[in-house]
Amino acid sequence: MKKPVIFTELDGTLLDEVTYSCREALLALSSIAASGTPLVMCSSKTKGELAAYRSQLNNNYPIIPENSGGIFILSDCCRCGRKSMKPC
C-alpha cells in the first residue's frame, strides 16, 4: 500500500504571510499528525530557521531549506531518539 507524504512551503501557506502564525493551520496540522502522514516542510528559510519551526510544530520529519538547497534528515527522525542536528 502506498503512503502519502505532504510537502509544504511555510511562508503564506502553512504560516500567515504577515504574522508568521500557524494558528489558522492548527486544525489541519492536527489531522495530518493524527493520520500519521509525514509532513515535510520546504522553505527559502535557512536550515536553522526551518529546524526551529519544525521543533515548535512538534514535527519529526525531514526538512528542505534554502529553496531546495538540501534535504536534511535530522537525528530525531531516526530511532535513536537524539534531538540534535549532528549525525547519530
C-alpha atoms as a PDB file:
ATOM      1  CA  MET A   1       0.000   0.000   0.000  1.00  0.00           C
ATOM      2  CA  LYS A   2       1.335   3.434  -0.902  1.00  0.00           C
ATOM      3  CA  LYS A   3       1.573   6.017   1.864  1.00  0.00           C
ATOM      4  CA  PRO A   4       1.217   9.717   1.006  1.00  0.00           C
ATOM      5  CA  VAL A   5       3.695  12.392   2.040  1.00  0.00           C
ATOM      6  CA  ILE A   6       2.753  16.073   2.272  1.00  0.00           C
ATOM      7  CA  PHE A   7       5.316  18.678   1.225  1.00  0.00           C
ATOM      8  CA  THR A   8       4.511  22.244   2.265  1.00  0.00           C
ATOM      9  CA  GLU A   9       6.018  25.680   1.889  1.00  0.00           C
ATOM     10  CA  LEU A  10       5.893  27.806   5.029  1.00  0.00           C
ATOM     11  CA  ASP A  11       5.519  31.486   4.127  1.00  0.00           C
ATOM     12  CA  GLY A  12       1.975  32.281   3.076  1.00  0.00           C
ATOM     13  CA  THR A  13       0.980  28.626   3.106  1.00  0.00           C
ATOM     14  CA  LEU A  14       1.476  26.982   6.493  1.00  0.00           C
ATOM     15  CA  LEU A  15       2.361  30.310   8.131  1.00  0.00           C
ATOM     16  CA  ASP A  16       0.411  33.533   7.745  1.00  0.00           C
ATOM     17  CA  GLU A  17       2.417  35.788   5.431  1.00  0.00           C
ATOM     18  CA  VAL A  18       2.058  38.813   7.713  1.00  0.00           C
ATOM     19  CA  THR A  19       2.097  37.427  11.265  1.00  0.00           C
ATOM     20  CA  TYR A  20       4.040  34.173  10.619  1.00  0.00           C
ATOM     21  CA  SER A  21       1.488  32.446  12.844  1.00  0.00           C
ATOM     22  CA  CYS A  22       0.345  28.902  12.060  1.00  0.00           C
ATOM     23  CA  ARG A  23      -2.856  29.337  14.102  1.00  0.00           C
ATOM     24  CA  GLU A  24      -5.112  29.050  11.052  1.00  0.00           C
ATOM     25  CA  ALA A  25      -3.434  25.765  10.098  1.00  0.00           C
ATOM     26  CA  LEU A  26      -3.564  24.079  13.526  1.00  0.00           C
ATOM     27  CA  LEU A  27      -6.686  22.010  12.827  1.00  0.00           C
ATOM     28  CA  ALA A  28      -5.215  20.722   9.567  1.00  0.00           C
ATOM     29  CA  LEU A  29      -1.852  20.070  11.248  1.00  0.00           C
ATOM     30  CA  SER A  30      -3.595  18.060  13.985  1.00  0.00           C
ATOM     31  CA  SER A  31      -5.450  15.994  11.399  1.00  0.00           C
ATOM     32  CA  ILE A  32      -2.244  15.342   9.478  1.00  0.00           C
ATOM     33  CA  ALA A  33      -0.415  14.301  12.658  1.00  0.00           C
ATOM     34  CA  ALA A  34      -3.277  12.031  13.729  1.00  0.00           C
ATOM     35  CA  SER A  35      -3.261  10.314  10.348  1.00  0.00           C
ATOM     36  CA  GLY A  36       0.464   9.598  10.599  1.00  0.00           C
ATOM     37  CA  THR A  37       1.071  11.262   7.240  1.00  0.00           C
ATOM     38  CA  PRO A  38       4.606  12.684   7.024  1.00  0.00           C
ATOM     39  CA  LEU A  39       4.692  16.479   6.691  1.00  0.00           C
ATOM     40  CA  VAL A  40       7.922  17.701   5.087  1.00  0.00           C
ATOM     41  CA  MET A  41       8.473  21.436   5.338  1.00  0.00           C
ATOM     42  CA  CYS A  42      10.145  23.232   2.427  1.00  0.00           C
ATOM     43  CA  SER A  43      11.236  26.857   2.543  1.00  0.00           C
ATOM     44  CA  SER A  44      13.633  29.553   1.455  1.00  0.00           C
ATOM     45  CA  LYS A  45      14.485  29.828   5.163  1.00  0.00           C
ATOM     46  CA  THR A  46      17.839  28.572   6.438  1.00  0.00           C
ATOM     47  CA  LYS A  47      18.313  25.125   7.943  1.00  0.00           C
ATOM     48  CA  GLY A  48      18.357  26.630  11.457  1.00  0.00           C
ATOM     49  CA  GLU A  49      15.213  28.700  10.938  1.00  0.00           C
ATOM     50  CA  LEU A  50      13.332  25.776   9.449  1.00  0.00           C
ATOM     51  CA  ALA A  51      14.527  23.449  12.221  1.00  0.00           C
ATOM     52  CA  ALA A  52      13.137  25.915  14.793  1.00  0.00           C
ATOM     53  CA  TYR A  53       9.684  25.894  13.143  1.00  0.00           C
ATOM     54  CA  ARG A  54       9.879  22.113  12.897  1.00  0.00           C
ATOM     55  CA  SER A  55      10.556  21.912  16.631  1.00  0.00           C
ATOM     56  CA  GLN A  56       7.760  24.384  17.501  1.00  0.00           C
ATOM     57  CA  LEU A  57       5.300  22.321  15.468  1.00  0.00           C
ATOM     58  CA  ASN A  58       6.497  19.052  17.042  1.00  0.00           C
ATOM     59  CA  ASN A  59       7.321  17.716  13.573  1.00  0.00           C
ATOM     60  CA  ASN A  60       9.876  14.897  13.294  1.00  0.00           C
ATOM     61  CA  TYR A  61      10.147  14.668   9.512  1.00  0.00           C
ATOM     62  CA  PRO A  62      12.943  15.834   7.201  1.00  0.00           C
ATOM     63  CA  ILE A  63      13.221  19.474   6.157  1.00  0.00           C
ATOM     64  CA  ILE A  64      14.107  21.058   2.822  1.00  0.00           C
ATOM     65  CA  PRO A  65      15.575  24.538   3.466  1.00  0.00           C
ATOM     66  CA  GLU A  66      17.142  27.264   1.315  1.00  0.00           C
ATOM     67  CA  ASN A  67      15.000  26.834  -1.809  1.00  0.00           C
ATOM     68  CA  SER A  68      15.714  23.101  -2.037  1.00  0.00           C
ATOM     69  CA  GLY A  69      19.411  23.610  -1.300  1.00  0.00           C
ATOM     70  CA  GLY A  70      19.412  20.350   0.623  1.00  0.00           C
ATOM     71  CA  ILE A  71      17.317  17.728   2.318  1.00  0.00           C
ATOM     72  CA  PHE A  72      18.087  17.245   5.981  1.00  0.00           C
ATOM     73  CA  ILE A  73      17.065  14.198   7.941  1.00  0.00           C
ATOM     74  CA  LEU A  74      17.704  15.440  11.446  1.00  0.00           C
ATOM     75  CA  SER A  75      18.755  12.950  14.073  1.00  0.00           C
ATOM     76  CA  ASP A  76      15.377  12.894  15.832  1.00  0.00           C
ATOM     77  CA  CYS A  77      13.886  11.478  12.616  1.00  0.00           C
ATOM     78  CA  CYS A  78      15.589   8.212  13.380  1.00  0.00           C
ATOM     79  CA  ARG A  79      15.014   5.695  16.129  1.00  0.00           C
ATOM     80  CA  CYS A  80      17.975   6.685  18.293  1.00  0.00           C
ATOM     81  CA  GLY A  81      15.833   9.357  19.981  1.00  0.00           C
ATOM     82  CA  ARG A  82      18.516  12.051  19.994  1.00  0.00           C
ATOM     83  CA  LYS A  83      17.364  15.594  19.280  1.00  0.00           C
ATOM     84  CA  SER A  84      20.260  17.367  17.607  1.00  0.00           C
ATOM     85  CA  MET A  85      21.374  18.271  14.116  1.00  0.00           C
ATOM     86  CA  LYS A  86      24.511  16.156  14.489  1.00  0.00           C
ATOM     87  CA  PRO A  87      24.579  12.695  12.904  1.00  0.00           C
ATOM     88  CA  CYS A  88      23.785   9.730  15.142  1.00  0.00           C
END
